[in-house]
Amino acid sequence: MDDMEMKTSAPDSPCPACCRTKARSEKEARDLVNRLSRIEGQIRGIRRMVEEDAYCIDIINQVSAANCALNSFTKLVLAEHIRTCVAEDVQEGSTEKLDELVKTLQKLMK
């Protein structure tokens, strides 16, 4: 199985999300985990602000920053997914991952 293939439980059945994987380079995985760690720190900071009775607008500003960080993370993962998983699927003549992407984008844009 190469870096972009998805593992499936049965060849002709839709695979539940729990058993699909995507191989990432060590650098890509490290960069994504580092971003998530920073976001996690932002969320802990927001919790601390609430516990310490911080001013509402200050909390809202920090929540906005955390949302922007999550959106940025999503864009990175999405771009990589399109460049690898979706592109390979289309090159192989399938539109399964493209259709899945369209549904996911529709959810993101609600």
C-alpha atoms as a PDB file:
ATOM      1  CA  MET A   1       0.000   0.000   0.000  1.00  0.00           C
ATOM      2  CA  ASP A   2       1.545   3.354  -0.942  1.00  0.00           C
ATOM      3  CA  ASP A   3       1.427   6.649   1.010  1.00  0.00           C
ATOM      4  CA  MET A   4      -1.906   7.795  -0.401  1.00  0.00           C
ATOM      5  CA  GLU A   5      -3.980   4.624  -0.341  1.00  0.00           C
ATOM      6  CA  MET A   6      -6.738   4.228   2.163  1.00  0.00           C
ATOM      7  CA  LYS A   7      -7.124   0.997   4.115  1.00  0.00           C
ATOM      8  CA  THR A   8     -10.557  -0.550   3.872  1.00  0.00           C
ATOM      9  CA  SER A   9     -12.316  -3.291   5.771  1.00  0.00           C
ATOM     10  CA  ALA A  10     -14.014  -4.783   2.706  1.00  0.00           C
ATOM     11  CA  PRO A  11     -13.160  -4.074  -0.936  1.00  0.00           C
ATOM     12  CA  ASP A  12     -16.695  -3.330  -2.165  1.00  0.00           C
ATOM     13  CA  SER A  13     -18.263  -1.710   0.898  1.00  0.00           C
ATOM     14  CA  PRO A  14     -17.991   1.826   2.173  1.00  0.00           C
ATOM     15  CA  CYS A  15     -15.314   1.958   4.796  1.00  0.00           C
ATOM     16  CA  PRO A  16     -16.187   3.423   8.172  1.00  0.00           C
ATOM     17  CA  ALA A  17     -14.092   6.454   9.049  1.00  0.00           C
ATOM     18  CA  CYS A  18     -12.521   4.557  11.945  1.00  0.00           C
ATOM     19  CA  CYS A  19     -10.405   2.311   9.707  1.00  0.00           C
ATOM     20  CA  ARG A  20      -9.224   4.776   7.053  1.00  0.00           C
ATOM     21  CA  THR A  21      -5.697   6.128   7.286  1.00  0.00           C
ATOM     22  CA  LYS A  22      -3.403   8.551   5.466  1.00  0.00           C
ATOM     23  CA  ALA A  23       0.357   8.173   5.601  1.00  0.00           C
ATOM     24  CA  ARG A  24       2.062  11.515   6.211  1.00  0.00           C
ATOM     25  CA  SER A  25       5.701  12.443   6.134  1.00  0.00           C
ATOM     26  CA  GLU A  26       7.353  12.843   9.515  1.00  0.00           C
ATOM     27  CA  LYS A  27       7.660  16.602   8.940  1.00  0.00           C
ATOM     28  CA  GLU A  28       4.018  17.032   7.902  1.00  0.00           C
ATOM     29  CA  ALA A  29       2.763  15.071  10.910  1.00  0.00           C
ATOM     30  CA  ARG A  30       5.070  16.984  13.271  1.00  0.00           C
ATOM     31  CA  ASP A  31       3.952  20.349  11.856  1.00  0.00           C
ATOM     32  CA  LEU A  32       0.264  19.420  12.202  1.00  0.00           C
ATOM     33  CA  VAL A  33       0.738  18.156  15.765  1.00  0.00           C
ATOM     34  CA  ASN A  34       2.649  21.335  16.672  1.00  0.00           C
ATOM     35  CA  ARG A  35      -0.220  23.467  15.356  1.00  0.00           C
ATOM     36  CA  LEU A  36      -2.717  21.413  17.333  1.00  0.00           C
ATOM     37  CA  SER A  37      -0.592  21.801  20.464  1.00  0.00           C
ATOM     38  CA  ARG A  38      -0.665  25.587  20.053  1.00  0.00           C
ATOM     39  CA  ILE A  39      -4.449  25.497  19.563  1.00  0.00           C
ATOM     40  CA  GLU A  40      -4.769  23.286  22.632  1.00  0.00           C
ATOM     41  CA  GLY A  41      -2.796  25.890  24.574  1.00  0.00           C
ATOM     42  CA  GLN A  42      -5.143  28.607  23.331  1.00  0.00           C
ATOM     43  CA  ILE A  43      -8.165  26.616  24.538  1.00  0.00           C
ATOM     44  CA  ARG A  44      -6.564  26.053  27.950  1.00  0.00           C
ATOM     45  CA  GLY A  45      -5.912  29.789  28.107  1.00  0.00           C
ATOM     46  CA  ILE A  46      -9.578  30.521  27.358  1.00  0.00           C
ATOM     47  CA  ARG A  47     -10.633  28.128  30.108  1.00  0.00           C
ATOM     48  CA  ARG A  48      -8.277  29.878  32.509  1.00  0.00           C
ATOM     49  CA  MET A  49      -9.741  33.237  31.498  1.00  0.00           C
ATOM     50  CA  VAL A  50     -13.248  31.977  32.310  1.00  0.00           C
ATOM     51  CA  GLU A  51     -12.079  30.551  35.640  1.00  0.00           C
ATOM     52  CA  GLU A  52     -10.433  33.891  36.479  1.00  0.00           C
ATOM     53  CA  ASP A  53     -13.511  35.945  35.510  1.00  0.00           C
ATOM     54  CA  ALA A  54     -11.865  37.684  32.561  1.00  0.00           C
ATOM     55  CA  TYR A  55     -13.796  40.367  30.706  1.00  0.00           C
ATOM     56  CA  CYS A  56     -16.256  38.949  28.135  1.00  0.00           C
ATOM     57  CA  ILE A  57     -14.766  40.718  25.116  1.00  0.00           C
ATOM     58  CA  ASP A  58     -11.273  39.518  26.027  1.00  0.00           C
ATOM     59  CA  ILE A  59     -12.560  35.933  26.115  1.00  0.00           C
ATOM     60  CA  ILE A  60     -14.409  36.405  22.813  1.00  0.00           C
ATOM     61  CA  ASN A  61     -11.237  37.763  21.196  1.00  0.00           C
ATOM     62  CA  GLN A  62      -9.306  34.694  22.329  1.00  0.00           C
ATOM     63  CA  VAL A  63     -12.064  32.371  21.087  1.00  0.00           C
ATOM     64  CA  SER A  64     -11.916  34.154  17.733  1.00  0.00           C
ATOM     65  CA  ALA A  65      -8.158  33.610  17.572  1.00  0.00           C
ATOM     66  CA  ALA A  66      -8.594  29.904  18.383  1.00  0.00           C
ATOM     67  CA  ASN A  67     -11.284  29.590  15.685  1.00  0.00           C
ATOM     68  CA  CYS A  68      -8.936  31.208  13.150  1.00  0.00           C
ATOM     69  CA  ALA A  69      -6.182  28.792  14.142  1.00  0.00           C
ATOM     70  CA  LEU A  70      -8.517  25.802  13.713  1.00  0.00           C
ATOM     71  CA  ASN A  71      -9.686  27.121  10.343  1.00  0.00           C
ATOM     72  CA  SER A  72      -6.075  27.499   9.245  1.00  0.00           C
ATOM     73  CA  PHE A  73      -5.365  23.923  10.359  1.00  0.00           C
ATOM     74  CA  THR A  74      -8.408  22.707   8.417  1.00  0.00           C
ATOM     75  CA  LYS A  75      -7.233  24.505   5.273  1.00  0.00           C
ATOM     76  CA  LEU A  76      -3.813  22.837   5.476  1.00  0.00           C
ATOM     77  CA  VAL A  77      -5.283  19.354   5.901  1.00  0.00           C
ATOM     78  CA  LEU A  78      -7.849  20.015   3.171  1.00  0.00           C
ATOM     79  CA  ALA A  79      -5.227  21.225   0.690  1.00  0.00           C
ATOM     80  CA  GLU A  80      -3.061  18.174   1.321  1.00  0.00           C
ATOM     81  CA  HIS A  81      -6.087  15.891   0.977  1.00  0.00           C
ATOM     82  CA  ILE A  82      -6.925  17.405  -2.417  1.00  0.00           C
ATOM     83  CA  ARG A  83      -3.299  17.205  -3.625  1.00  0.00           C
ATOM     84  CA  THR A  84      -2.916  13.569  -2.610  1.00  0.00           C
ATOM     85  CA  CYS A  85      -6.006  11.474  -1.827  1.00  0.00           C
ATOM     86  CA  VAL A  86      -8.446  13.176  -4.189  1.00  0.00           C
ATOM     87  CA  ALA A  87      -5.949  13.630  -7.037  1.00  0.00           C
ATOM     88  CA  GLU A  88      -4.878   9.989  -6.927  1.00  0.00           C
ATOM     89  CA  ASP A  89      -8.497   8.798  -6.836  1.00  0.00           C
ATOM     90  CA  VAL A  90      -9.412  10.924  -9.882  1.00  0.00           C
ATOM     91  CA  GLN A  91      -6.282   9.792 -11.767  1.00  0.00           C
ATOM     92  CA  GLU A  92      -7.427   6.216 -11.171  1.00  0.00           C
ATOM     93  CA  GLY A  93     -10.794   7.054 -12.742  1.00  0.00           C
ATOM     94  CA  SER A  94     -12.811   7.131  -9.533  1.00  0.00           C
ATOM     95  CA  THR A  95     -14.814  10.044  -8.135  1.00  0.00           C
ATOM     96  CA  GLU A  96     -15.513   8.561  -4.694  1.00  0.00           C
ATOM     97  CA  LYS A  97     -13.098  10.854  -2.848  1.00  0.00           C
ATOM     98  CA  LEU A  98     -14.157  13.836  -4.949  1.00  0.00           C
ATOM     99  CA  ASP A  99     -17.805  13.207  -4.039  1.00  0.00           C
ATOM    100  CA  GLU A 100     -16.796  12.814  -0.382  1.00  0.00           C
ATOM    101  CA  LEU A 101     -14.896  16.118  -0.582  1.00  0.00           C
ATOM    102  CA  VAL A 102     -17.933  17.943  -2.013  1.00  0.00           C
ATOM    103  CA  LYS A 103     -20.102  16.680   0.865  1.00  0.00           C
ATOM    104  CA  THR A 104     -17.472  17.700   3.391  1.00  0.00           C
ATOM    105  CA  LEU A 105     -17.158  21.188   1.881  1.00  0.00           C
ATOM    106  CA  GLN A 106     -20.917  21.581   2.038  1.00  0.00           C
ATOM    107  CA  LYS A 107     -20.795  20.768   5.768  1.00  0.00           C
ATOM    108  CA  LEU A 108     -17.927  23.192   6.332  1.00  0.00           C
ATOM    109  CA  MET A 109     -19.766  26.017   4.603  1.00  0.00           C
ATOM    110  CA  LYS A 110     -22.971  25.805   6.638  1.00  0.00           C
END
